[in-house]
Amino acid sequence: MKRKHCRILGLIFAYPLSAKVKWRDIEPLFRELGAEVTEREGSRVGVRLFGERKVFHRPHPSPDADKGAVASIRQWFEKNGVKP
């Protein structure tokens, strides 16, 4: 895994939750882990990973992912054995 992906994974697992995780950095991390990322209606993004499909809302106008999305991604990764 590239250093940038490791850094983003560290931000996702940081305690307390970081509010400075850019969505444009999360999508490449999903792809690095083997995900299929698809565009959905509006600003939704479909992610197929670990045999599951999740739908996330791409933030706008701010480029930062909200803490709820980061917490959801963290729980999903923990459940499937992904660690920083």
Protein backbone atom coordinates (compact mmCIF):
# COMPACT_ATOMS: atom_id res chain seq x y z
CA MET A 1 0.00 0.00 0.00
CA LYS A 2 1.30 3.45 -0.88
CA ARG A 3 2.35 5.84 1.85
CA LYS A 4 -0.53 8.22 1.05
CA HIS A 5 -3.10 5.43 1.48
CA CYS A 6 -1.51 4.45 4.80
CA ARG A 7 -1.74 8.07 5.96
CA ILE A 8 -5.45 8.27 5.06
CA LEU A 9 -6.11 4.95 6.78
CA GLY A 10 -4.37 6.37 9.87
CA LEU A 11 -6.64 9.43 9.77
CA ILE A 12 -9.72 7.22 9.53
CA PHE A 13 -8.60 5.28 12.62
CA ALA A 14 -7.42 8.35 14.54
CA TYR A 15 -8.95 9.01 17.94
CA PRO A 16 -10.77 11.33 18.29
CA LEU A 17 -12.26 11.22 14.80
CA SER A 18 -10.57 13.58 12.41
CA ALA A 19 -12.68 16.16 10.60
CA LYS A 20 -9.91 16.75 8.08
CA VAL A 21 -10.26 13.62 5.91
CA LYS A 22 -10.74 14.64 2.28
CA TRP A 23 -13.24 12.57 0.32
CA ARG A 24 -10.99 12.73 -2.74
CA ASP A 25 -8.43 10.75 -0.69
CA ILE A 26 -10.92 8.15 0.57
CA GLU A 27 -12.08 6.98 -2.87
CA PRO A 28 -8.54 5.99 -4.01
CA LEU A 29 -8.10 4.14 -0.69
CA PHE A 30 -11.22 2.11 -1.46
CA ARG A 31 -9.80 1.26 -4.89
CA GLU A 32 -6.43 0.31 -3.36
CA LEU A 33 -8.25 -2.17 -1.13
CA GLY A 34 -9.87 -3.71 -4.22
CA ALA A 35 -13.20 -1.90 -4.27
CA GLU A 36 -15.35 -1.18 -7.27
CA VAL A 37 -16.44 2.47 -6.98
CA THR A 38 -19.42 3.61 -9.06
CA GLU A 39 -21.24 6.89 -9.51
CA ARG A 40 -24.87 6.92 -8.36
CA GLU A 41 -27.62 9.52 -8.51
CA GLY A 42 -26.71 13.01 -7.40
CA SER A 43 -23.60 13.02 -5.26
CA ARG A 44 -23.89 9.41 -4.12
CA VAL A 45 -21.05 6.95 -4.59
CA GLY A 46 -21.50 3.17 -4.55
CA VAL A 47 -18.66 1.09 -3.12
CA ARG A 48 -18.50 -2.70 -3.53
CA LEU A 49 -15.90 -4.15 -1.17
CA PHE A 50 -15.64 -7.20 1.12
CA GLY A 51 -18.62 -8.72 -0.74
CA GLU A 52 -20.82 -5.85 0.44
CA ARG A 53 -22.22 -2.77 -1.25
CA LYS A 54 -22.27 0.54 0.60
CA VAL A 55 -23.51 3.90 -0.60
CA PHE A 56 -21.85 7.09 0.59
CA HIS A 57 -22.70 10.72 -0.02
CA ARG A 58 -19.87 12.70 -1.58
CA PRO A 59 -19.63 15.90 0.49
CA HIS A 60 -20.18 19.30 -1.05
CA PRO A 61 -19.39 22.16 -1.08
CA SER A 62 -16.74 21.23 1.51
CA PRO A 63 -14.22 18.60 0.34
CA ASP A 64 -13.98 17.11 3.86
CA ALA A 65 -15.91 13.93 4.71
CA ASP A 66 -18.18 14.40 7.72
CA LYS A 67 -17.39 12.58 10.95
CA GLY A 68 -20.39 10.27 10.55
CA ALA A 69 -19.09 8.98 7.21
CA VAL A 70 -15.57 8.54 8.61
CA ALA A 71 -16.96 6.62 11.61
CA SER A 72 -19.01 4.41 9.29
CA ILE A 73 -15.96 3.66 7.14
CA ARG A 74 -13.89 2.91 10.25
CA GLN A 75 -16.48 0.44 11.56
CA TRP A 76 -16.74 -1.22 8.13
CA PHE A 77 -12.96 -1.59 7.95
CA GLU A 78 -12.69 -2.91 11.52
CA LYS A 79 -15.42 -5.47 10.86
CA ASN A 80 -13.46 -6.74 7.85
CA GLY A 81 -10.00 -6.77 9.43
CA VAL A 82 -8.51 -3.66 7.83
CA LYS A 83 -6.11 -1.88 10.18
CA PRO A 84 -3.64 0.99 9.79
